[in-house]
Each structure stands twice: as structure tokens, then as C-alpha cells.
C-alpha atoms as a PDB file:
ATOM      1  CA  MET A   1      10.003 -49.544 125.301  1.00  0.00           C
ATOM      2  CA  ASN A   2       7.775 -48.873 122.366  1.00  0.00           C
ATOM      3  CA  PRO A   3       6.790 -45.168 122.573  1.00  0.00           C
ATOM      4  CA  GLU A   4       3.676 -45.843 120.443  1.00  0.00           C
ATOM      5  CA  ARG A   5       2.254 -47.966 123.198  1.00  0.00           C
ATOM      6  CA  PRO A   6       2.456 -46.099 126.614  1.00  0.00           C
ATOM      7  CA  LEU A   7       3.277 -47.824 129.755  1.00  0.00           C
ATOM      8  CA  ASP A   8      -0.200 -47.307 131.298  1.00  0.00           C
ATOM      9  CA  VAL A   9      -1.911 -49.176 128.406  1.00  0.00           C
ATOM     10  CA  LYS A  10       0.562 -52.056 128.879  1.00  0.00           C
ATOM     11  CA  ALA A  11      -0.081 -51.933 132.540  1.00  0.00           C
ATOM     12  CA  THR A  12      -3.751 -52.215 132.253  1.00  0.00           C
ATOM     13  CA  GLU A  13      -3.399 -55.034 129.751  1.00  0.00           C
ATOM     14  CA  ALA A  14      -1.013 -56.876 132.220  1.00  0.00           C
ATOM     15  CA  VAL A  15      -3.416 -56.620 135.172  1.00  0.00           C
ATOM     16  CA  ASP A  16      -6.308 -57.964 133.009  1.00  0.00           C
ATOM     17  CA  GLU A  17      -4.495 -60.813 131.236  1.00  0.00           C
ATOM     18  CA  LEU A  18      -1.514 -62.099 133.414  1.00  0.00           C
ATOM     19  CA  GLN A  19      -2.499 -64.609 135.979  1.00  0.00           C
ATOM     20  CA  THR A  20       0.461 -66.357 137.804  1.00  0.00           C
ATOM     21  CA  VAL A  21       3.548 -65.194 139.722  1.00  0.00           C
ATOM     22  CA  ASN A  22       5.494 -66.465 136.774  1.00  0.00           C
ATOM     23  CA  ASP A  23       3.398 -64.328 134.363  1.00  0.00           C
ATOM     24  CA  LEU A  24       4.003 -61.312 136.359  1.00  0.00           C
ATOM     25  CA  LEU A  25       7.768 -62.026 136.743  1.00  0.00           C
ATOM     26  CA  ARG A  26       8.256 -62.489 133.005  1.00  0.00           C
ATOM     27  CA  TRP A  27       6.283 -59.479 132.195  1.00  0.00           C
ATOM     28  CA  GLY A  28       8.171 -57.400 134.602  1.00  0.00           C
ATOM     29  CA  VAL A  29      11.584 -58.608 133.411  1.00  0.00           C
ATOM     30  CA  THR A  30      10.502 -57.749 129.789  1.00  0.00           C
ATOM     31  CA  GLN A  31       9.631 -54.198 130.930  1.00  0.00           C
ATOM     32  CA  PHE A  32      12.841 -53.780 132.688  1.00  0.00           C
ATOM     33  CA  ASN A  33      14.855 -55.103 129.698  1.00  0.00           C
ATOM     34  CA  GLY A  34      13.090 -52.640 127.451  1.00  0.00           C
ATOM     35  CA  ALA A  35      13.638 -49.693 129.664  1.00  0.00           C
ATOM     36  CA  ASP A  36      16.804 -47.495 130.682  1.00  0.00           C
ATOM     37  CA  VAL A  37      17.050 -48.836 134.216  1.00  0.00           C
ATOM     38  CA  TYR A  38      20.125 -49.668 136.283  1.00  0.00           C
ATOM     39  CA  PHE A  39      20.510 -52.486 138.768  1.00  0.00           C
ATOM     40  CA  GLY A  40      22.959 -52.164 141.561  1.00  0.00           C
ATOM     41  CA  HIS A  41      21.151 -51.463 144.752  1.00  0.00           C
ATOM     42  CA  GLY A  42      20.867 -55.012 146.353  1.00  0.00           C
ATOM     43  CA  THR A  43      20.208 -56.680 142.953  1.00  0.00           C
ATOM     44  CA  ASP A  44      22.300 -56.809 139.807  1.00  0.00           C
ATOM     45  CA  ASN A  45      19.762 -58.024 137.241  1.00  0.00           C
ATOM     46  CA  PRO A  46      16.107 -57.501 136.220  1.00  0.00           C
ATOM     47  CA  TRP A  47      14.930 -60.869 137.376  1.00  0.00           C
ATOM     48  CA  ASP A  48      15.962 -60.450 140.965  1.00  0.00           C
ATOM     49  CA  GLU A  49      14.712 -56.816 141.052  1.00  0.00           C
ATOM     50  CA  CYS A  50      11.325 -57.774 139.719  1.00  0.00           C
ATOM     51  CA  LEU A  51      11.139 -60.798 142.131  1.00  0.00           C
ATOM     52  CA  SER A  52      11.801 -58.470 145.002  1.00  0.00           C
ATOM     53  CA  LEU A  53       8.942 -56.277 144.164  1.00  0.00           C
ATOM     54  CA  ILE A  54       6.555 -59.183 143.567  1.00  0.00           C
ATOM     55  CA  CYS A  55       7.565 -60.981 146.852  1.00  0.00           C
ATOM     56  CA  TYR A  56       7.002 -57.813 148.800  1.00  0.00           C
ATOM     57  CA  VAL A  57       3.409 -57.396 147.521  1.00  0.00           C
ATOM     58  CA  LEU A  58       2.684 -61.073 148.092  1.00  0.00           C
ATOM     59  CA  HIS A  59       4.321 -61.253 151.461  1.00  0.00           C
ATOM     60  CA  LEU A  60       6.684 -63.986 150.257  1.00  0.00           C
ATOM     61  CA  SER A  61      10.268 -64.859 150.721  1.00  0.00           C
ATOM     62  CA  VAL A  62      12.370 -64.173 147.694  1.00  0.00           C
ATOM     63  CA  GLN A  63      13.438 -67.913 147.939  1.00  0.00           C
ATOM     64  CA  VAL A  64      10.369 -68.948 146.045  1.00  0.00           C
ATOM     65  CA  THR A  65       9.581 -72.570 145.011  1.00  0.00           C
ATOM     66  CA  PRO A  66       8.133 -73.651 141.604  1.00  0.00           C
ATOM     67  CA  ASP A  67       4.781 -74.284 143.071  1.00  0.00           C
ATOM     68  CA  ILE A  68       4.644 -70.573 144.219  1.00  0.00           C
ATOM     69  CA  LEU A  69       5.805 -69.316 140.815  1.00  0.00           C
ATOM     70  CA  SER A  70       2.998 -71.188 139.123  1.00  0.00           C
ATOM     71  CA  SER A  71       0.303 -70.092 141.595  1.00  0.00           C
ATOM     72  CA  ARG A  72      -2.437 -67.630 140.564  1.00  0.00           C
ATOM     73  CA  THR A  73      -2.725 -64.107 141.878  1.00  0.00           C
ATOM     74  CA  THR A  74      -5.687 -61.934 142.509  1.00  0.00           C
ATOM     75  CA  ARG A  75      -6.519 -58.923 140.414  1.00  0.00           C
ATOM     76  CA  SER A  76      -5.661 -56.471 143.304  1.00  0.00           C
ATOM     77  CA  GLU A  77      -2.348 -58.225 143.822  1.00  0.00           C
ATOM     78  CA  ARG A  78      -1.591 -57.895 140.107  1.00  0.00           C
ATOM     79  CA  ALA A  79      -2.506 -54.245 140.145  1.00  0.00           C
ATOM     80  CA  ASP A  80      -0.116 -53.617 143.101  1.00  0.00           C
ATOM     81  CA  ILE A  81       2.739 -55.462 141.539  1.00  0.00           C
ATOM     82  CA  VAL A  82       2.335 -53.900 138.092  1.00  0.00           C
ATOM     83  CA  ASP A  83       2.102 -50.420 139.675  1.00  0.00           C
ATOM     84  CA  LEU A  84       5.521 -51.085 141.487  1.00  0.00           C
ATOM     85  CA  ILE A  85       7.201 -52.294 138.287  1.00  0.00           C
ATOM     86  CA  CYS A  86       5.873 -49.097 136.442  1.00  0.00           C
ATOM     87  CA  GLN A  87       7.051 -46.888 139.268  1.00  0.00           C
ATOM     88  CA  ARG A  88      10.502 -48.507 139.109  1.00  0.00           C
ATOM     89  CA  ILE A  89      10.755 -47.604 135.364  1.00  0.00           C
ATOM     90  CA  GLU A  90       9.245 -44.233 135.521  1.00  0.00           C
ATOM     91  CA  THR A  91      10.901 -42.915 138.662  1.00  0.00           C
ATOM     92  CA  LYS A  92      14.218 -44.747 138.394  1.00  0.00           C
ATOM     93  CA  LYS A  93      14.075 -45.355 142.072  1.00  0.00           C
ATOM     94  CA  PRO A  94      15.843 -48.472 143.284  1.00  0.00           C
ATOM     95  CA  ALA A  95      13.389 -51.143 144.330  1.00  0.00           C
ATOM     96  CA  ALA A  96      14.398 -50.910 147.892  1.00  0.00           C
ATOM     97  CA  TYR A  97      13.144 -47.323 148.124  1.00  0.00           C
ATOM     98  CA  LEU A  98       9.771 -48.231 146.544  1.00  0.00           C
ATOM     99  CA  ILE A  99       9.091 -51.003 149.194  1.00  0.00           C
ATOM    100  CA  ASN A 100      11.249 -49.344 152.061  1.00  0.00           C
ATOM    101  CA  GLN A 101      13.077 -52.543 152.546  1.00  0.00           C
ATOM    102  CA  ALA A 102      16.449 -54.101 151.876  1.00  0.00           C
ATOM    103  CA  TYR A 103      18.097 -57.295 153.079  1.00  0.00           C
ATOM    104  CA  PHE A 104      21.651 -57.308 154.423  1.00  0.00           C
ATOM    105  CA  VAL A 105      23.348 -60.389 155.906  1.00  0.00           C
ATOM    106  CA  GLY A 106      19.773 -62.024 155.749  1.00  0.00           C
ATOM    107  CA  LEU A 107      18.171 -59.328 157.887  1.00  0.00           C
ATOM    108  CA  PRO A 108      15.408 -57.047 156.774  1.00  0.00           C
ATOM    109  CA  PHE A 109      16.247 -53.431 157.023  1.00  0.00           C
ATOM    110  CA  TYR A 110      13.963 -50.403 156.731  1.00  0.00           C
ATOM    111  CA  VAL A 111      15.302 -47.924 154.220  1.00  0.00           C
ATOM    112  CA  ASN A 112      14.216 -44.615 152.709  1.00  0.00           C
ATOM    113  CA  GLU A 113      15.961 -41.927 150.755  1.00  0.00           C
ATOM    114  CA  ASP A 114      17.825 -40.610 153.900  1.00  0.00           C
ATOM    115  CA  VAL A 115      20.188 -43.554 153.784  1.00  0.00           C
ATOM    116  CA  LEU A 116      22.044 -45.590 151.112  1.00  0.00           C
ATOM    117  CA  VAL A 117      20.606 -48.921 150.081  1.00  0.00           C
ATOM    118  CA  PRO A 118      22.557 -51.646 151.995  1.00  0.00           C
ATOM    119  CA  ARG A 119      24.951 -53.610 149.723  1.00  0.00           C
ATOM    120  CA  SER A 120      28.409 -53.456 151.073  1.00  0.00           C
ATOM    121  CA  PRO A 121      30.620 -56.492 150.621  1.00  0.00           C
ATOM    122  CA  ILE A 122      31.538 -56.019 154.272  1.00  0.00           C
ATOM    123  CA  GLY A 123      28.398 -58.189 154.742  1.00  0.00           C
ATOM    124  CA  GLU A 124      30.366 -61.210 153.665  1.00  0.00           C
ATOM    125  CA  LEU A 125      33.034 -60.473 156.347  1.00  0.00           C
ATOM    126  CA  ILE A 126      30.318 -60.202 159.042  1.00  0.00           C
ATOM    127  CA  LYS A 127      28.710 -63.624 157.930  1.00  0.00           C
ATOM    128  CA  ASN A 128      32.078 -65.066 158.445  1.00  0.00           C
ATOM    129  CA  ARG A 129      32.649 -63.248 161.765  1.00  0.00           C
ATOM    130  CA  PHE A 130      35.712 -61.505 160.293  1.00  0.00           C
ATOM    131  CA  GLU A 131      37.515 -64.791 160.186  1.00  0.00           C
ATOM    132  CA  GLY A 132      41.236 -64.221 159.653  1.00  0.00           C
ATOM    133  CA  LEU A 133      41.017 -60.592 160.508  1.00  0.00           C
ATOM    134  CA  VAL A 134      40.212 -60.428 164.266  1.00  0.00           C
ATOM    135  CA  GLY A 135      41.739 -62.638 166.910  1.00  0.00           C
ATOM    136  CA  LYS A 136      39.559 -62.885 169.918  1.00  0.00           C
ATOM    137  CA  GLU A 137      35.810 -62.014 169.701  1.00  0.00           C
ATOM    138  CA  PRO A 138      35.410 -58.200 169.745  1.00  0.00           C
ATOM    139  CA  GLN A 139      33.596 -56.847 172.743  1.00  0.00           C
ATOM    140  CA  ARG A 140      33.353 -53.279 171.565  1.00  0.00           C
ATOM    141  CA  ILE A 141      32.589 -52.469 167.950  1.00  0.00           C
ATOM    142  CA  MET A 142      32.259 -49.192 166.181  1.00  0.00           C
ATOM    143  CA  ASP A 143      30.320 -48.820 162.906  1.00  0.00           C
ATOM    144  CA  LEU A 144      31.420 -45.487 161.498  1.00  0.00           C
ATOM    145  CA  CYS A 145      29.147 -43.816 158.980  1.00  0.00           C
ATOM    146  CA  THR A 146      26.404 -46.308 159.910  1.00  0.00           C
ATOM    147  CA  GLY A 147      23.640 -45.027 157.516  1.00  0.00           C
ATOM    148  CA  SER A 148      20.676 -47.420 157.900  1.00  0.00           C
ATOM    149  CA  GLY A 149      22.560 -49.209 160.735  1.00  0.00           C
ATOM    150  CA  CYS A 150      22.820 -52.388 158.661  1.00  0.00           C
ATOM    151  CA  ILE A 151      26.630 -53.073 159.519  1.00  0.00           C
ATOM    152  CA  ALA A 152      26.009 -52.257 163.259  1.00  0.00           C
ATOM    153  CA  VAL A 153      23.008 -54.493 163.695  1.00  0.00           C
ATOM    154  CA  ALA A 154      24.504 -57.310 161.690  1.00  0.00           C
ATOM    155  CA  CYS A 155      27.684 -57.194 163.890  1.00  0.00           C
ATOM    156  CA  ALA A 156      25.467 -57.303 166.898  1.00  0.00           C
ATOM    157  CA  TYR A 157      23.825 -60.518 165.588  1.00  0.00           C
ATOM    158  CA  ALA A 158      27.259 -61.928 164.673  1.00  0.00           C
ATOM    159  CA  PHE A 159      28.777 -61.274 168.012  1.00  0.00           C
ATOM    160  CA  GLU A 160      26.011 -61.786 170.624  1.00  0.00           C
ATOM    161  CA  GLU A 161      28.058 -60.484 173.593  1.00  0.00           C
ATOM    162  CA  SER A 162      29.263 -57.303 171.885  1.00  0.00           C
ATOM    163  CA  GLU A 163      28.405 -53.696 172.351  1.00  0.00           C
ATOM    164  CA  VAL A 164      28.135 -51.590 169.107  1.00  0.00           C
ATOM    165  CA  ASP A 165      28.272 -47.805 168.531  1.00  0.00           C
ATOM    166  CA  ALA A 166      26.538 -46.778 165.378  1.00  0.00           C
ATOM    167  CA  LEU A 167      28.007 -43.388 164.349  1.00  0.00           C
ATOM    168  CA  ASP A 168      26.711 -40.972 161.659  1.00  0.00           C
ATOM    169  CA  ILE A 169      26.795 -37.338 160.899  1.00  0.00           C
ATOM    170  CA  SER A 170      23.187 -37.208 159.446  1.00  0.00           C
ATOM    171  CA  PRO A 171      20.341 -37.020 162.074  1.00  0.00           C
ATOM    172  CA  GLU A 172      18.011 -38.291 159.321  1.00  0.00           C
ATOM    173  CA  ALA A 173      20.233 -41.411 158.765  1.00  0.00           C
ATOM    174  CA  LEU A 174      20.407 -42.002 162.555  1.00  0.00           C
ATOM    175  CA  ALA A 175      16.655 -41.960 162.874  1.00  0.00           C
ATOM    176  CA  VAL A 176      16.466 -44.705 160.327  1.00  0.00           C
ATOM    177  CA  ALA A 177      19.341 -46.633 162.068  1.00  0.00           C
ATOM    178  CA  ASP A 178      17.443 -46.280 165.327  1.00  0.00           C
ATOM    179  CA  GLU A 179      14.275 -47.706 163.740  1.00  0.00           C
ATOM    180  CA  ASN A 180      16.262 -50.636 162.524  1.00  0.00           C
ATOM    181  CA  ILE A 181      18.022 -51.190 165.904  1.00  0.00           C
ATOM    182  CA  HIS A 182      14.635 -51.328 167.571  1.00  0.00           C
ATOM    183  CA  ARG A 183      12.869 -53.458 164.860  1.00  0.00           C
ATOM    184  CA  LEU A 184      15.663 -56.002 164.988  1.00  0.00           C
ATOM    185  CA  GLY A 185      15.746 -56.265 168.714  1.00  0.00           C
ATOM    186  CA  VAL A 186      19.226 -55.148 169.537  1.00  0.00           C
ATOM    187  CA  ALA A 187      18.510 -51.780 171.279  1.00  0.00           C
ATOM    188  CA  ASP A 188      20.173 -53.021 174.397  1.00  0.00           C
ATOM    189  CA  ARG A 189      23.529 -53.396 172.713  1.00  0.00           C
ATOM    190  CA  VAL A 190      23.514 -50.997 169.646  1.00  0.00           C
ATOM    191  CA  ILE A 191      23.723 -47.318 170.265  1.00  0.00           C
ATOM    192  CA  PRO A 192      23.204 -44.592 167.540  1.00  0.00           C
ATOM    193  CA  ILE A 193      25.469 -41.672 168.092  1.00  0.00           C
ATOM    194  CA  HIS A 194      25.554 -38.415 166.328  1.00  0.00           C
ATOM    195  CA  SER A 195      29.232 -37.847 165.296  1.00  0.00           C
ATOM    196  CA  ASP A 196      31.187 -36.128 162.594  1.00  0.00           C
ATOM    197  CA  VAL A 197      33.637 -38.918 162.044  1.00  0.00           C
ATOM    198  CA  PHE A 198      34.994 -39.590 165.587  1.00  0.00           C
ATOM    199  CA  SER A 199      33.836 -36.332 167.196  1.00  0.00           C
ATOM    200  CA  GLY A 200      31.067 -38.024 169.161  1.00  0.00           C
ATOM    201  CA  VAL A 201      33.153 -40.679 170.843  1.00  0.00           C
ATOM    202  CA  ALA A 202      36.104 -38.765 172.422  1.00  0.00           C
ATOM    203  CA  GLY A 203      38.120 -40.951 174.677  1.00  0.00           C
ATOM    204  CA  GLN A 204      36.248 -44.147 173.582  1.00  0.00           C
ATOM    205  CA  THR A 205      38.187 -47.127 172.371  1.00  0.00           C
ATOM    206  CA  TYR A 206      37.077 -50.231 170.422  1.00  0.00           C
ATOM    207  CA  ASP A 207      38.376 -53.812 169.440  1.00  0.00           C
ATOM    208  CA  LEU A 208      37.028 -53.341 165.968  1.00  0.00           C
ATOM    209  CA  ILE A 209      36.171 -50.351 163.836  1.00  0.00           C
ATOM    210  CA  VAL A 210      34.288 -50.953 160.670  1.00  0.00           C
ATOM    211  CA  SER A 211      33.354 -48.245 158.171  1.00  0.00           C
ATOM    212  CA  ASN A 212      31.651 -47.894 154.816  1.00  0.00           C
ATOM    213  CA  PRO A 213      32.154 -44.068 154.425  1.00  0.00           C
ATOM    214  CA  PRO A 214      31.302 -41.873 151.489  1.00  0.00           C
ATOM    215  CA  TYR A 215      34.041 -42.625 149.072  1.00  0.00           C
ATOM    216  CA  VAL A 216      32.861 -41.765 145.491  1.00  0.00           C
ATOM    217  CA  ASP A 217      35.056 -39.384 143.628  1.00  0.00           C
ATOM    218  CA  ALA A 218      33.628 -36.287 141.906  1.00  0.00           C
ATOM    219  CA  GLU A 219      34.037 -37.711 138.403  1.00  0.00           C
ATOM    220  CA  ASP A 220      32.051 -40.803 139.286  1.00  0.00           C
ATOM    221  CA  ILE A 221      29.373 -38.790 141.042  1.00  0.00           C
ATOM    222  CA  ALA A 222      28.794 -36.903 137.844  1.00  0.00           C
ATOM    223  CA  ASP A 223      28.678 -40.123 135.707  1.00  0.00           C
ATOM    224  CA  MET A 224      26.426 -42.206 138.017  1.00  0.00           C
ATOM    225  CA  PRO A 225      23.062 -43.594 136.667  1.00  0.00           C
ATOM    226  CA  GLU A 226      19.976 -41.857 137.750  1.00  0.00           C
ATOM    227  CA  GLU A 227      19.152 -44.549 140.354  1.00  0.00           C
ATOM    228  CA  PHE A 228      22.134 -43.318 142.538  1.00  0.00           C
ATOM    229  CA  HIS A 229      20.813 -39.749 142.615  1.00  0.00           C
ATOM    230  CA  HIS A 230      17.867 -40.974 144.714  1.00  0.00           C
ATOM    231  CA  GLU A 231      20.517 -41.779 147.406  1.00  0.00           C
ATOM    232  CA  PRO A 232      21.789 -38.997 149.786  1.00  0.00           C
ATOM    233  CA  GLU A 233      24.861 -37.446 148.249  1.00  0.00           C
ATOM    234  CA  ILE A 234      26.296 -36.998 151.734  1.00  0.00           C
ATOM    235  CA  GLY A 235      26.433 -40.791 151.834  1.00  0.00           C
ATOM    236  CA  LEU A 236      28.333 -41.124 148.439  1.00  0.00           C
ATOM    237  CA  GLY A 237      30.663 -38.374 147.680  1.00  0.00           C
ATOM    238  CA  SER A 238      33.810 -37.386 149.654  1.00  0.00           C
ATOM    239  CA  GLY A 239      35.775 -34.702 147.852  1.00  0.00           C
ATOM    240  CA  GLU A 240      37.542 -34.676 144.428  1.00  0.00           C
ATOM    241  CA  ASP A 241      39.242 -38.142 144.945  1.00  0.00           C
ATOM    242  CA  GLY A 242      36.651 -39.652 147.331  1.00  0.00           C
ATOM    243  CA  LEU A 243      39.074 -39.839 150.179  1.00  0.00           C
ATOM    244  CA  ASP A 244      38.303 -36.816 152.349  1.00  0.00           C
ATOM    245  CA  ILE A 245      36.714 -38.815 155.076  1.00  0.00           C
ATOM    246  CA  THR A 246      38.936 -41.802 154.680  1.00  0.00           C
ATOM    247  CA  ARG A 247      42.031 -39.565 155.418  1.00  0.00           C
ATOM    248  CA  VAL A 248      40.430 -38.439 158.682  1.00  0.00           C
ATOM    249  CA  ILE A 249      39.718 -42.046 159.612  1.00  0.00           C
ATOM    250  CA  LEU A 250      43.283 -43.014 158.945  1.00  0.00           C
ATOM    251  CA  ARG A 251      44.643 -40.058 160.955  1.00  0.00           C
ATOM    252  CA  GLU A 252      42.460 -40.570 163.994  1.00  0.00           C
ATOM    253  CA  ALA A 253      41.536 -44.328 164.088  1.00  0.00           C
ATOM    254  CA  ALA A 254      44.498 -45.479 166.217  1.00  0.00           C
ATOM    255  CA  GLN A 255      43.487 -43.419 169.163  1.00  0.00           C
ATOM    256  CA  HIS A 256      40.089 -45.209 169.151  1.00  0.00           C
ATOM    257  CA  LEU A 257      41.427 -48.696 168.851  1.00  0.00           C
ATOM    258  CA  ASN A 258      42.474 -50.952 171.800  1.00  0.00           C
ATOM    259  CA  ASP A 259      45.704 -52.864 171.653  1.00  0.00           C
ATOM    260  CA  LYS A 260      45.461 -55.481 168.839  1.00  0.00           C
ATOM    261  CA  GLY A 261      42.417 -53.615 167.453  1.00  0.00           C
ATOM    262  CA  ILE A 262      41.556 -53.718 163.785  1.00  0.00           C
ATOM    263  CA  LEU A 263      40.233 -51.043 161.263  1.00  0.00           C
ATOM    264  CA  ILE A 264      38.221 -52.217 158.260  1.00  0.00           C
ATOM    265  CA  VAL A 265      37.205 -49.560 155.700  1.00  0.00           C
ATOM    266  CA  GLU A 266      35.530 -49.778 152.319  1.00  0.00           C
ATOM    267  CA  VAL A 267      36.779 -47.335 149.725  1.00  0.00           C
ATOM    268  CA  GLY A 268      35.563 -49.012 146.483  1.00  0.00           C
ATOM    269  CA  ASN A 269      37.070 -47.643 143.350  1.00  0.00           C
ATOM    270  CA  SER A 270      38.836 -45.016 145.207  1.00  0.00           C
ATOM    271  CA  MET A 271      41.283 -47.624 146.338  1.00  0.00           C
ATOM    272  CA  VAL A 272      43.349 -46.565 143.288  1.00  0.00           C
ATOM    273  CA  HIS A 273      43.771 -43.002 144.665  1.00  0.00           C
ATOM    274  CA  LEU A 274      44.453 -44.343 148.232  1.00  0.00           C
ATOM    275  CA  GLN A 275      47.333 -46.597 146.950  1.00  0.00           C
ATOM    276  CA  GLN A 276      48.833 -43.847 144.989  1.00  0.00           C
ATOM    277  CA  GLU A 277      48.718 -41.428 147.862  1.00  0.00           C
ATOM    278  CA  PHE A 278      50.104 -43.901 150.581  1.00  0.00           C
ATOM    279  CA  PRO A 279      52.248 -46.412 148.647  1.00  0.00           C
ATOM    280  CA  GLN A 280      54.347 -47.076 151.791  1.00  0.00           C
ATOM    281  CA  VAL A 281      51.268 -48.235 153.817  1.00  0.00           C
ATOM    282  CA  PRO A 282      50.737 -52.064 153.869  1.00  0.00           C
ATOM    283  CA  PHE A 283      46.912 -51.989 153.240  1.00  0.00           C
ATOM    284  CA  ASN A 284      45.507 -55.558 153.396  1.00  0.00           C
ATOM    285  CA  TRP A 285      43.101 -55.592 150.471  1.00  0.00           C
ATOM    286  CA  ILE A 286      40.545 -58.180 151.339  1.00  0.00           C
ATOM    287  CA  GLU A 287      39.285 -60.669 148.606  1.00  0.00           C
ATOM    288  CA  PHE A 288      35.667 -61.582 148.529  1.00  0.00           C
ATOM    289  CA  GLU A 289      34.065 -64.910 147.398  1.00  0.00           C
ATOM    290  CA  HIS A 290      30.898 -63.273 146.334  1.00  0.00           C
ATOM    291  CA  GLY A 291      32.275 -60.097 144.610  1.00  0.00           C
ATOM    292  CA  GLY A 292      33.451 -56.748 145.784  1.00  0.00           C
ATOM    293  CA  LEU A 293      36.569 -54.803 146.108  1.00  0.00           C
ATOM    294  CA  GLY A 294      38.143 -51.810 147.790  1.00  0.00           C
ATOM    295  CA  VAL A 295      38.004 -52.922 151.315  1.00  0.00           C
ATOM    296  CA  PHE A 296      41.112 -52.907 153.394  1.00  0.00           C
ATOM    297  CA  SER A 297      42.229 -53.675 156.957  1.00  0.00           C
ATOM    298  CA  LEU A 298      44.916 -52.192 159.123  1.00  0.00           C
ATOM    299  CA  THR A 299      45.977 -53.068 162.677  1.00  0.00           C
ATOM    300  CA  LYS A 300      46.344 -50.549 165.361  1.00  0.00           C
ATOM    301  CA  GLU A 301      50.088 -51.173 165.196  1.00  0.00           C
ATOM    302  CA  GLN A 302      50.186 -50.414 161.461  1.00  0.00           C
ATOM    303  CA  LEU A 303      48.274 -47.151 161.898  1.00  0.00           C
ATOM    304  CA  VAL A 304      50.601 -46.080 164.595  1.00  0.00           C
ATOM    305  CA  GLU A 305      53.644 -46.961 162.519  1.00  0.00           C
ATOM    306  CA  HIS A 306      52.567 -44.870 159.644  1.00  0.00           C
ATOM    307  CA  GLN A 307      50.941 -42.065 161.617  1.00  0.00           C
ATOM    308  CA  GLU A 308      53.171 -39.357 160.263  1.00  0.00           C
ATOM    309  CA  LEU A 309      51.960 -40.158 156.742  1.00  0.00           C
ATOM    310  CA  PHE A 310      48.354 -39.505 157.838  1.00  0.00           C
ATOM    311  CA  ASN A 311      48.964 -36.192 159.742  1.00  0.00           C
END
């Protein structure tokens, strides 16, 4: 961005001179390309990030058609759109926090800075109803470290007869999860539970435990772009190697799984540390059609078989 021409001058010019959705989209992408912004919270490029802001202001689906792109906007709409684009650049906040909305498995979730922006590749597994991983349809599901509740709610949509417990240690995150549970109409089947890992569900067992726990190691936390520092660190970091919570999950999950139950956990880049620490464990590392890595599955039987390694 040209320091001799401040953003507010450019913004005023944009509001005055741009007309169509396409004009605003092109202008916004140009601003993002000229600024030090990082994309990785639901979008991975400036076009999609800018489109999400525009469609939010205009109350449109992001699946816009050419006739929508060529349609004219009002001055007040342009002012709101330009303001959001400027905020995105100046604050480094991910777009989802600016508009308090993020889509996961096609569902709109309310988000704020008390929860991570939903983006787990586990969403692909939910869309496919965990094909190849679960046998019969799970009746009881646990979403461990639920955050916004996105995995719990999406599982409830995928398995309409299931009951889902959504666990988190953060009361603030659980408030967001509860908001989404009610907004998306699954309050009769999805229960938010305050829990430090499994502490809040003593004696409870499940057919499927799904977890996207904090897993970022200390080195990666320090090197993260500024956008990530708007997310709650409690939802990102988990000790020096990123595996503090995952070790607890591996140690205690078997006692919360029914026979033939399945554990699915995302550990991202910390999969390297996990494989080094437990080379004897047959982690099933799941491959994703639409990108993503570091998600494994283990059966209850496998967890029990290797229990001594986890203790």
C-alpha cells in the first residue's frame, strides 16, 4: 500500500466512484494484495475473503451469479463494504470476526473472539457421515473442545437421531456454542457441557468421540501471523509440542467409548511429534479430498491395546 496515499483517502474515493459489486470486489482484492494480511480463517485467498464481506453487507449468498456481480450498489452499501475492507486491513482481524459469522459444513455459525474460526477438515468427514470410519450410525456423539459448537451441531445435522454432548473448558466458548445450538435448532439433541477434557462426563460413554483440541506447539504460536492472535490462545496452544491435551485424550478416551467406538482427533502439524512419541501406535491418518492433514482415528480396541503407552 502506498504510504503517501492513506487508506482513508482511498476509501472515500472508492465510495464515491465505485458502482457495482464487481467494482467493489476488484477494489477490495487490490487493497488486500497491497497489504500485509494473511488468509486462513475460512478463506485462503483475497477474492473469497473480500466476497464474504461484500455478501454479508448485501445479505447475499457467497454463491453469486454474474448478474449479481454486475448489479449496482447504493452509496450506503458501498460505505459499509469499504469500511469492512479497511477494518480487515487495519486491525488484521479475520473477516469472520468482523461480521460475526463463519460457515462450516454449509451452516452459518455465530463467532466472536472467544472461539476459533471454524475451519477444521473434520467438516469433510461430517459431510460424508464418517464413511469408512464408523460402522452403524452413532447414537451418542461427543464433540470434545467444542469451541463454537460447529462440529457438534454439524454432527447433529448429519445424524438426525443422535444425541451430541459438546464439551469445553471455556465458559465463554460454551456461551457461543449454546447460541449456535439454539440458532440452528438442535437444542433438543445437543448439550453444551463445561468440562476440562473428560472431567464433566464421568461415567458417560459414546459411540463416537470427535475432537479438534488445541494442538499448536510453542514455536508455531510464536511465529503465527497477527490474524491468529485475535483467536483465544486457549483454543490454539497446548504445551511445548502441542500435545498436552492430546495425551490426556489418548489416556482417557477408551473409558468413554462404547464397544466398537471410534476416536477421531485433529492434531495438525503436531502429528510429527505424535508419531515420534508413539511410533508403535497404528494411527489411521485420514486423507482429505479438499485439503487438510493431521487428523487420525483409533478404535476403542486399539486404545485399550496401547493403554500402557499412554499412561
